[in-house]
C-alpha cells in the first residue's frame, strides 16, 4: 500500500548530466551535416547550402553560449570579460568579418559587411530588448502573482549604459563621413578595452547558471574544464568552417530565390547567430530574472558598437582594401537608422526602469521598418527615432550626467 508521503512525493527531476548530454548531443548532430559537407568538398545548391550552414552556426552559437556561461565558474576578472565577450559573438563576427575581408578584393561585398552589422544591431535592440521585457513582466506576474509595468535595472547597469551612450554618439561619425575608417576602429577597440577593464574592477559575483550551463558548471573541476575546452574547440571549428559558405550562400541563395540579397544578409545571418542569446535571455526573464537578462543584452549592444564595428575596417584592410571602408547611400542611411535607434533605446531606459510601453515602442518601430523601403522611408524612420530619443532624454534629464560620468567614476 502506498503511503501518503510516497503519494505526495514530487516526480524525480531530470538528471543534470542527462540534460547536458542531450542538449550538447543535439547541437553536435545539427552541426555535423555542415562539417561533413565542407570537409568532403561537396557544393550543394545555394538554398540548401544556406540551410545546412545556417543550422550549423545556430547550433554552434548555443554551444558557445552554454560554455561561456559555465566558464564563469573558473574564470574571473577582466580576462574573463574580454574572452567571454569574444566567444559570445564569435558566430556573428565570423560572418561579418568574412564579408568585410572579401570586400577588400571584391567591392560588391562592401554592402554586405555594413548590412550584417546594422541588421544585428537593430535586431538586438528592436526585437531582443522588448521581447525580454514583455516576457519578464509576464514571468513576474506568473511567479509572484503581482502586476507590474516596468522592469527595474540595477544601479550598476549605469556603467554599461554610459559606455553604450558614448559609443552611440560616436556612431554618428560614420554616416556623417560616409565611411568606417581605420582610426575609428582603433578608437572603438580602445573603448572596449577600457570597458573590459572597468568591469574587471567590479565585485566578483557568483554566476547564476541555469539549465545546460548549470549542469556543465556543476561538474567536478577537471571534467568541467575538459568539457569546456571541448565545447569551445568544436564550436569554434564549426563556426570557422561554416561562416564562409553560409555568408556566400546567402548572397547566391537570394539571387536564386529572387529575394534581395542585402535583406537576407542583413536579417537571416544575424538571426541565426543571435537566436541562442535571445532564447537564453528569454528563459532567464521567464524565470523571473529579467533584470539580469536585459543587462546581458545591453552589454552585447556595447560589444556590437565597439568590437564588431571596429573590426570591420581592419578586416577590410587585411583583405586588400583601403584604410577606410566606404559606405554608399543606402549603407549610410542604414547606419543613420541604426545609430538613431540606439540613442532612442538608451534614452528610454536611462532612468534605470524599462517600462512596458517603451518595449512596445521599440518593437513596433522595429516591425515598421520592413514595409518601409527607400531613402525617404529610412530617413523618416530615423527622424522618428531621433525625436523620441530627444523627448526621452528631456524627460530623464537628471540621469544624463550620471550616465556620462559612470565610465569614469568608481563603482560603489
Protein backbone atom coordinates (compact mmCIF):
# COMPACT_ATOMS: atom_id res chain seq x y z
CA UNK A 1 0.00 0.00 0.00
CA UNK A 2 1.35 3.43 -0.95
CA UNK A 3 1.84 5.80 1.97
CA UNK A 4 0.65 9.40 1.96
CA UNK A 5 4.26 10.61 1.90
CA UNK A 6 5.09 8.44 -1.07
CA UNK A 7 1.96 9.51 -2.91
CA UNK A 8 2.75 13.17 -2.40
CA UNK A 9 6.37 12.85 -3.45
CA UNK A 10 7.18 15.02 -6.48
CA UNK A 11 8.37 13.36 -9.67
CA UNK A 12 12.09 12.75 -9.90
CA UNK A 13 13.72 15.66 -11.76
CA UNK A 14 15.77 15.01 -14.83
CA UNK A 15 19.43 14.38 -14.17
CA UNK A 16 21.53 17.50 -14.88
CA UNK A 17 24.12 15.33 -16.61
CA UNK A 18 21.43 13.73 -18.81
CA UNK A 19 20.16 17.21 -19.72
CA UNK A 20 23.69 18.32 -20.58
CA UNK A 21 24.39 15.28 -22.76
CA UNK A 22 21.04 15.58 -24.52
CA UNK A 23 21.47 19.28 -25.26
CA UNK A 24 25.08 19.04 -26.41
CA UNK A 25 24.37 15.90 -28.42
CA UNK A 26 21.51 17.59 -30.29
CA UNK A 27 23.70 20.59 -31.20
CA UNK A 28 26.51 18.31 -32.40
CA UNK A 29 24.06 16.37 -34.59
CA UNK A 30 22.75 19.63 -36.08
CA UNK A 31 26.29 20.78 -36.87
CA UNK A 32 27.56 17.51 -38.36
CA UNK A 33 25.95 17.91 -41.83
CA UNK A 34 27.88 21.15 -42.30
CA UNK A 35 31.12 19.55 -41.14
CA UNK A 36 30.70 16.58 -43.50
CA UNK A 37 29.64 18.79 -46.40
CA UNK A 38 32.57 21.18 -46.03
CA UNK A 39 35.27 18.56 -45.41
CA UNK A 40 34.06 16.37 -48.28
CA UNK A 41 34.29 19.27 -50.71
CA UNK A 42 30.61 18.97 -51.67
CA UNK A 43 28.91 22.10 -53.01
CA UNK A 44 25.11 21.92 -52.57
CA UNK A 45 22.85 24.33 -54.39
CA UNK A 46 22.72 27.77 -52.66
CA UNK A 47 19.41 27.45 -50.78
CA UNK A 48 20.28 24.01 -49.37
CA UNK A 49 23.77 25.27 -48.51
CA UNK A 50 22.23 28.24 -46.70
CA UNK A 51 20.11 25.89 -44.58
CA UNK A 52 22.92 23.41 -43.81
CA UNK A 53 25.47 26.02 -42.77
CA UNK A 54 22.90 28.30 -41.11
CA UNK A 55 21.75 25.47 -38.84
CA UNK A 56 25.40 24.72 -38.01
CA UNK A 57 26.04 28.34 -37.00
CA UNK A 58 22.85 28.25 -34.92
CA UNK A 59 23.93 25.05 -33.12
CA UNK A 60 27.47 26.31 -32.54
CA UNK A 61 26.06 29.52 -31.07
CA UNK A 62 24.20 27.50 -28.45
CA UNK A 63 27.34 25.54 -27.55
CA UNK A 64 29.33 28.75 -27.20
CA UNK A 65 26.63 30.40 -25.09
CA UNK A 66 26.44 27.46 -22.66
CA UNK A 67 30.22 27.16 -22.44
CA UNK A 68 30.73 30.90 -21.98
CA UNK A 69 28.23 30.98 -19.11
CA UNK A 70 29.68 27.90 -17.39
CA UNK A 71 33.23 29.22 -17.78
CA UNK A 72 32.42 31.94 -15.25
CA UNK A 73 32.85 29.30 -12.55
CA UNK A 74 36.57 29.08 -13.35
CA UNK A 75 37.48 32.49 -14.78
CA UNK A 76 37.01 35.91 -13.22
CA UNK A 77 38.17 39.45 -13.78
CA UNK A 78 38.96 41.45 -16.91
CA UNK A 79 40.42 38.49 -18.82
CA UNK A 80 37.15 36.57 -18.42
CA UNK A 81 35.11 39.55 -19.59
CA UNK A 82 37.23 40.01 -22.71
CA UNK A 83 37.30 36.30 -23.54
CA UNK A 84 33.61 35.70 -22.88
CA UNK A 85 32.63 38.76 -24.90
CA UNK A 86 34.60 37.50 -27.88
CA UNK A 87 33.26 33.96 -27.52
CA UNK A 88 29.63 35.04 -27.28
CA UNK A 89 29.76 37.00 -30.54
CA UNK A 90 32.11 34.69 -32.46
CA UNK A 91 29.49 33.37 -34.93
CA UNK A 92 28.24 36.85 -35.73
CA UNK A 93 31.77 38.23 -36.08
CA UNK A 94 32.90 35.35 -38.28
CA UNK A 95 30.15 36.01 -40.83
CA UNK A 96 30.52 39.80 -40.79
CA UNK A 97 34.32 39.75 -40.93
CA UNK A 98 34.16 37.38 -43.90
CA UNK A 99 32.10 39.97 -45.77
CA UNK A 100 34.47 42.79 -44.78
CA UNK A 101 37.59 40.76 -45.66
CA UNK A 102 36.16 39.68 -49.03
CA UNK A 103 35.14 43.27 -49.77
CA UNK A 104 38.85 44.19 -49.78
CA UNK A 105 39.23 42.39 -53.12
CA UNK A 106 35.58 42.34 -54.27
CA UNK A 107 33.85 45.75 -53.90
CA UNK A 108 30.40 44.14 -54.30
CA UNK A 109 30.74 42.70 -50.79
CA UNK A 110 31.16 46.09 -49.10
CA UNK A 111 27.39 46.48 -48.83
CA UNK A 112 27.04 43.08 -47.17
CA UNK A 113 29.51 43.90 -44.38
CA UNK A 114 27.51 47.00 -43.48
CA UNK A 115 24.20 45.15 -43.89
CA UNK A 116 25.12 42.35 -41.49
CA UNK A 117 26.38 44.78 -38.88
CA UNK A 118 23.36 47.11 -38.97
CA UNK A 119 20.96 44.15 -39.03
CA UNK A 120 22.47 42.51 -35.95
CA UNK A 121 22.46 45.83 -34.11
CA UNK A 122 18.84 46.64 -34.85
CA UNK A 123 17.72 43.06 -34.24
CA UNK A 124 19.26 43.04 -30.76
CA UNK A 125 17.68 46.30 -29.64
CA UNK A 126 14.46 46.30 -31.66
CA UNK A 127 13.49 42.68 -31.01
CA UNK A 128 15.71 41.30 -28.22
CA UNK A 129 15.25 44.09 -25.66
CA UNK A 130 11.45 44.45 -25.85
CA UNK A 131 10.69 40.72 -26.02
CA UNK A 132 12.79 40.08 -22.90
CA UNK A 133 10.98 42.88 -21.05
CA UNK A 134 7.50 41.70 -22.03
CA UNK A 135 8.32 38.09 -21.16
CA UNK A 136 9.90 39.26 -17.90
CA UNK A 137 6.77 41.18 -16.88
CA UNK A 138 4.67 38.15 -17.70
CA UNK A 139 7.05 35.95 -15.71
CA UNK A 140 6.82 38.20 -12.65
CA UNK A 141 3.03 38.09 -12.82
CA UNK A 142 3.12 34.30 -13.15
CA UNK A 143 5.65 33.65 -10.38
CA UNK A 144 4.78 36.32 -7.83
CA UNK A 145 1.14 37.00 -8.64
CA UNK A 146 1.68 40.74 -8.95
CA UNK A 147 1.21 43.03 -11.90
CA UNK A 148 3.99 45.49 -12.64
CA UNK A 149 4.57 47.70 -15.65
CA UNK A 150 8.34 48.11 -15.56
CA UNK A 151 11.50 46.06 -15.07
CA UNK A 152 13.93 47.82 -12.69
CA UNK A 153 17.59 47.82 -13.66
CA UNK A 154 20.45 47.65 -11.18
CA UNK A 155 22.33 50.87 -10.45
CA UNK A 156 25.50 49.20 -11.69
CA UNK A 157 23.90 48.96 -15.15
CA UNK A 158 24.50 52.68 -15.49
CA UNK A 159 28.11 51.79 -16.28
CA UNK A 160 27.09 49.77 -19.36
CA UNK A 161 24.65 52.48 -20.40
CA UNK A 162 27.40 55.09 -20.10
CA UNK A 163 29.72 53.12 -22.37
CA UNK A 164 26.89 52.49 -24.84
CA UNK A 165 25.92 56.17 -24.83
CA UNK A 166 29.43 57.29 -25.79
CA UNK A 167 29.66 54.57 -28.46
CA UNK A 168 26.21 55.50 -29.77
CA UNK A 169 27.14 59.18 -30.13
CA UNK A 170 30.41 58.24 -31.85
CA UNK A 171 28.43 56.05 -34.28
CA UNK A 172 27.02 59.17 -35.96
CA UNK A 173 30.51 59.98 -37.26
CA UNK A 174 30.19 57.07 -39.72
CA UNK A 175 27.07 58.17 -41.62
CA UNK A 176 28.26 61.77 -41.48
CA UNK A 177 31.61 60.90 -43.11
CA UNK A 178 30.21 58.10 -45.30
CA UNK A 179 32.88 55.63 -44.19
CA UNK A 180 34.19 53.46 -41.39
CA UNK A 181 37.86 54.45 -41.20
CA UNK A 182 40.68 52.56 -39.56
CA UNK A 183 41.15 55.30 -36.96
CA UNK A 184 37.52 54.82 -35.93
CA UNK A 185 38.19 51.12 -35.44
CA UNK A 186 41.19 51.89 -33.24
CA UNK A 187 39.11 54.23 -31.06
CA UNK A 188 36.31 51.68 -30.71
CA UNK A 189 38.76 48.91 -29.83
CA UNK A 190 40.32 51.13 -27.17
CA UNK A 191 36.87 51.97 -25.81
CA UNK A 192 36.02 48.29 -25.49
CA UNK A 193 39.37 47.57 -23.79
CA UNK A 194 38.59 50.30 -21.25
CA UNK A 195 35.08 48.85 -20.84
CA UNK A 196 36.53 45.41 -20.06
CA UNK A 197 38.97 46.99 -17.60
CA UNK A 198 36.19 48.85 -15.77
CA UNK A 199 34.07 45.71 -15.50
CA UNK A 200 37.05 43.82 -14.09
CA UNK A 201 37.30 46.33 -11.24
CA UNK A 202 33.79 45.48 -10.02
CA UNK A 203 32.98 42.94 -7.37
CA UNK A 204 33.14 39.31 -8.46
CA UNK A 205 29.73 37.69 -8.12
CA UNK A 206 28.68 34.07 -8.09
CA UNK A 207 27.29 33.27 -11.56
CA UNK A 208 23.59 32.39 -11.70
CA UNK A 209 23.60 29.42 -14.05
CA UNK A 210 20.55 27.51 -15.19
CA UNK A 211 19.80 24.60 -17.49
CA UNK A 212 22.64 23.19 -19.55
CA UNK A 213 25.19 25.78 -18.43
CA UNK A 214 24.37 24.95 -14.78
CA UNK A 215 24.87 21.24 -15.49
CA UNK A 216 28.28 21.96 -17.02
CA UNK A 217 29.23 24.30 -14.19
CA UNK A 218 28.22 21.66 -11.65
CA UNK A 219 30.73 19.12 -12.91
CA UNK A 220 33.88 18.39 -10.92
CA UNK A 221 36.77 20.71 -11.71
CA UNK A 222 38.73 18.51 -14.12
CA UNK A 223 35.72 17.14 -16.12
CA UNK A 224 34.26 20.65 -16.27
CA UNK A 225 37.40 22.14 -17.77
CA UNK A 226 37.78 19.32 -20.28
CA UNK A 227 34.12 19.73 -21.24
CA UNK A 228 34.51 23.49 -21.67
CA UNK A 229 37.65 23.07 -23.76
CA UNK A 230 35.91 20.52 -25.97
CA UNK A 231 32.84 22.72 -26.45
CA UNK A 232 34.90 25.80 -27.27
CA UNK A 233 37.12 23.98 -29.74
CA UNK A 234 34.28 22.14 -31.51
CA UNK A 235 32.01 25.19 -31.71
CA UNK A 236 34.86 27.42 -32.93
CA UNK A 237 35.76 24.79 -35.54
CA UNK A 238 32.15 24.65 -36.75
CA UNK A 239 31.90 28.43 -36.93
CA UNK A 240 35.17 28.73 -38.83
CA UNK A 241 34.24 26.17 -41.49
CA UNK A 242 30.59 27.28 -41.77
CA UNK A 243 30.93 31.08 -41.76
CA UNK A 244 32.30 31.47 -45.29
CA UNK A 245 29.91 29.10 -47.14
CA UNK A 246 26.97 30.39 -45.10
CA UNK A 247 27.79 34.00 -45.93
CA UNK A 248 28.39 33.12 -49.58
CA UNK A 249 25.20 31.06 -49.88
CA UNK A 250 23.11 33.94 -48.53
CA UNK A 251 24.20 36.05 -51.48
CA UNK A 252 23.75 33.30 -54.07
CA UNK A 253 20.56 31.98 -52.44
CA UNK A 254 18.97 35.41 -52.56
CA UNK A 255 19.67 35.66 -56.28
CA UNK A 256 18.23 32.19 -56.98
CA UNK A 257 15.11 32.86 -54.89
CA UNK A 258 14.55 36.32 -56.31
CA UNK A 259 14.98 37.86 -52.86
CA UNK A 260 17.08 40.95 -52.18
CA UNK A 261 20.46 39.55 -51.05
CA UNK A 262 21.01 42.66 -48.92
CA UNK A 263 17.95 41.80 -46.82
CA UNK A 264 18.99 38.16 -46.40
CA UNK A 265 22.45 39.20 -45.24
CA UNK A 266 21.00 41.89 -43.00
CA UNK A 267 18.45 39.74 -41.18
CA UNK A 268 18.89 35.99 -41.73
CA UNK A 269 22.58 35.77 -40.80
CA UNK A 270 22.25 37.85 -37.59
CA UNK A 271 19.11 35.94 -36.62
CA UNK A 272 20.98 32.62 -36.82
CA UNK A 273 23.83 33.87 -34.63
CA UNK A 274 21.74 35.97 -32.22
CA UNK A 275 18.92 33.45 -31.67
CA UNK A 276 20.69 31.41 -28.92
CA UNK A 277 21.46 34.56 -26.96
CA UNK A 278 17.84 35.69 -27.32
CA UNK A 279 16.49 32.31 -26.22
CA UNK A 280 18.72 32.16 -23.15
CA UNK A 281 17.82 35.75 -22.18
CA UNK A 282 14.10 34.99 -22.63
CA UNK A 283 14.44 31.90 -20.44
CA UNK A 284 16.04 34.00 -17.69
CA UNK A 285 13.25 36.56 -17.98
CA UNK A 286 10.58 33.84 -17.88
CA UNK A 287 12.10 32.54 -14.63
CA UNK A 288 11.83 35.98 -13.01
CA UNK A 289 15.36 37.28 -13.65
CA UNK A 290 14.53 39.81 -16.37
CA UNK A 291 16.89 42.46 -14.96
CA UNK A 292 19.93 40.24 -15.45
CA UNK A 293 18.74 39.25 -18.93
CA UNK A 294 18.37 42.88 -20.00
CA UNK A 295 21.78 43.72 -18.54
CA UNK A 296 23.31 40.95 -20.65
CA UNK A 297 21.70 42.30 -23.83
CA UNK A 298 22.87 45.84 -23.02
CA UNK A 299 26.39 44.50 -22.68
CA UNK A 300 26.01 42.73 -26.04
CA UNK A 301 25.00 46.04 -27.57
CA UNK A 302 28.21 47.62 -26.24
CA UNK A 303 30.19 44.78 -27.81
CA UNK A 304 28.50 45.31 -31.16
CA UNK A 305 29.15 49.05 -31.32
CA UNK A 306 32.78 48.63 -30.26
CA UNK A 307 34.34 45.28 -31.21
CA UNK A 308 32.12 44.41 -34.18
CA UNK A 309 32.08 47.84 -35.85
CA UNK A 310 35.73 48.48 -35.00
CA UNK A 311 36.86 45.21 -36.57
CA UNK A 312 35.28 45.90 -39.98
CA UNK A 313 37.86 48.37 -41.35
CA UNK A 314 40.68 46.15 -40.04
CA UNK A 315 39.30 43.08 -41.84
CA UNK A 316 38.72 45.18 -44.95
CA UNK A 317 42.33 46.38 -44.91
CA UNK A 318 43.69 42.84 -44.44
CA UNK A 319 41.55 41.72 -47.38
CA UNK A 320 43.34 44.15 -49.69
CA UNK A 321 41.14 47.21 -49.25
CA UNK A 322 41.89 50.80 -48.26
CA UNK A 323 42.15 52.05 -44.67
CA UNK A 324 38.55 53.26 -44.96
CA UNK A 325 35.51 51.07 -45.64
CA UNK A 326 33.40 53.36 -47.84
CA UNK A 327 29.61 53.40 -47.46
CA UNK A 328 27.22 54.05 -50.34
CA UNK A 329 23.95 55.97 -49.96
CA UNK A 330 21.90 53.00 -48.73
CA UNK A 331 24.56 51.88 -46.25
CA UNK A 332 24.86 55.44 -44.93
CA UNK A 333 21.09 55.54 -44.39
CA UNK A 334 21.18 52.14 -42.68
CA UNK A 335 23.96 53.35 -40.37
CA UNK A 336 22.00 56.50 -39.53
CA UNK A 337 18.88 54.45 -38.81
CA UNK A 338 20.84 52.08 -36.57
CA UNK A 339 22.54 54.93 -34.67
CA UNK A 340 19.26 56.78 -34.02
CA UNK A 341 17.58 53.55 -32.87
CA UNK A 342 20.45 53.01 -30.40
CA UNK A 343 20.08 56.51 -28.98
CA UNK A 344 16.33 56.03 -28.57
CA UNK A 345 16.88 52.74 -26.76
CA UNK A 346 19.34 54.36 -24.35
CA UNK A 347 17.03 57.33 -23.76
CA UNK A 348 14.08 55.10 -22.89
CA UNK A 349 15.94 53.18 -20.15
CA UNK A 350 18.45 55.77 -18.93
CA UNK A 351 16.25 56.21 -15.84
CA UNK A 352 17.04 52.56 -14.96
CA UNK A 353 13.46 51.40 -15.48
CA UNK A 354 12.35 49.54 -18.60
CA UNK A 355 8.61 50.26 -18.94
CA UNK A 356 6.27 48.06 -20.92
CA UNK A 357 5.29 50.98 -23.16
CA UNK A 358 8.98 51.51 -24.01
CA UNK A 359 9.20 47.87 -25.06
CA UNK A 360 6.13 48.21 -27.29
CA UNK A 361 7.54 51.36 -28.93
CA UNK A 362 10.84 49.62 -29.72
CA UNK A 363 9.07 46.53 -31.07
CA UNK A 364 6.54 48.49 -33.13
CA UNK A 365 9.17 50.69 -34.80
CA UNK A 366 11.31 47.61 -35.46
CA UNK A 367 8.41 45.95 -37.29
CA UNK A 368 7.54 49.10 -39.23
CA UNK A 369 10.97 49.22 -40.90
CA UNK A 370 10.25 46.12 -43.02
CA UNK A 371 7.45 47.59 -45.15
CA UNK A 372 9.28 50.94 -45.15
CA UNK A 373 11.64 50.88 -48.12
CA UNK A 374 13.56 53.52 -50.00
CA UNK A 375 15.59 56.51 -48.92
CA UNK A 376 12.65 58.63 -47.83
CA UNK A 377 11.22 55.89 -45.62
CA UNK A 378 14.55 55.23 -43.88
CA UNK A 379 15.15 58.94 -43.29
CA UNK A 380 11.64 59.46 -41.89
CA UNK A 381 12.04 56.47 -39.55
CA UNK A 382 15.44 57.80 -38.44
CA UNK A 383 13.78 61.14 -37.67
CA UNK A 384 11.07 59.39 -35.64
CA UNK A 385 13.75 57.55 -33.62
CA UNK A 386 15.60 60.84 -33.13
CA UNK A 387 12.54 62.80 -31.96
CA UNK A 388 11.55 60.09 -29.46
CA UNK A 389 15.15 59.94 -28.22
CA UNK A 390 15.29 63.71 -27.65
CA UNK A 391 11.93 63.65 -25.85
CA UNK A 392 13.00 60.76 -23.62
CA UNK A 393 16.36 62.41 -22.83
CA UNK A 394 14.50 65.61 -21.91
CA UNK A 395 12.18 63.61 -19.61
CA UNK A 396 15.12 61.83 -17.96
CA UNK A 397 17.46 64.84 -17.99
CA UNK A 398 18.57 64.24 -14.39
CA UNK A 399 20.06 60.88 -15.39
CA UNK A 400 22.16 62.11 -18.34
CA UNK A 401 25.15 63.48 -16.40
CA UNK A 402 25.39 60.47 -14.01
CA UNK A 403 25.32 58.16 -17.03
CA UNK A 404 28.04 60.13 -18.84
CA UNK A 405 30.16 60.08 -15.68
CA UNK A 406 29.64 56.38 -14.98
CA UNK A 407 32.51 55.10 -17.20
CA UNK A 408 34.95 57.37 -15.38
CA UNK A 409 33.82 57.04 -11.75
CA UNK A 410 34.42 54.16 -9.38
CA UNK A 411 31.53 51.83 -8.67
CA UNK A 412 30.16 51.86 -5.14
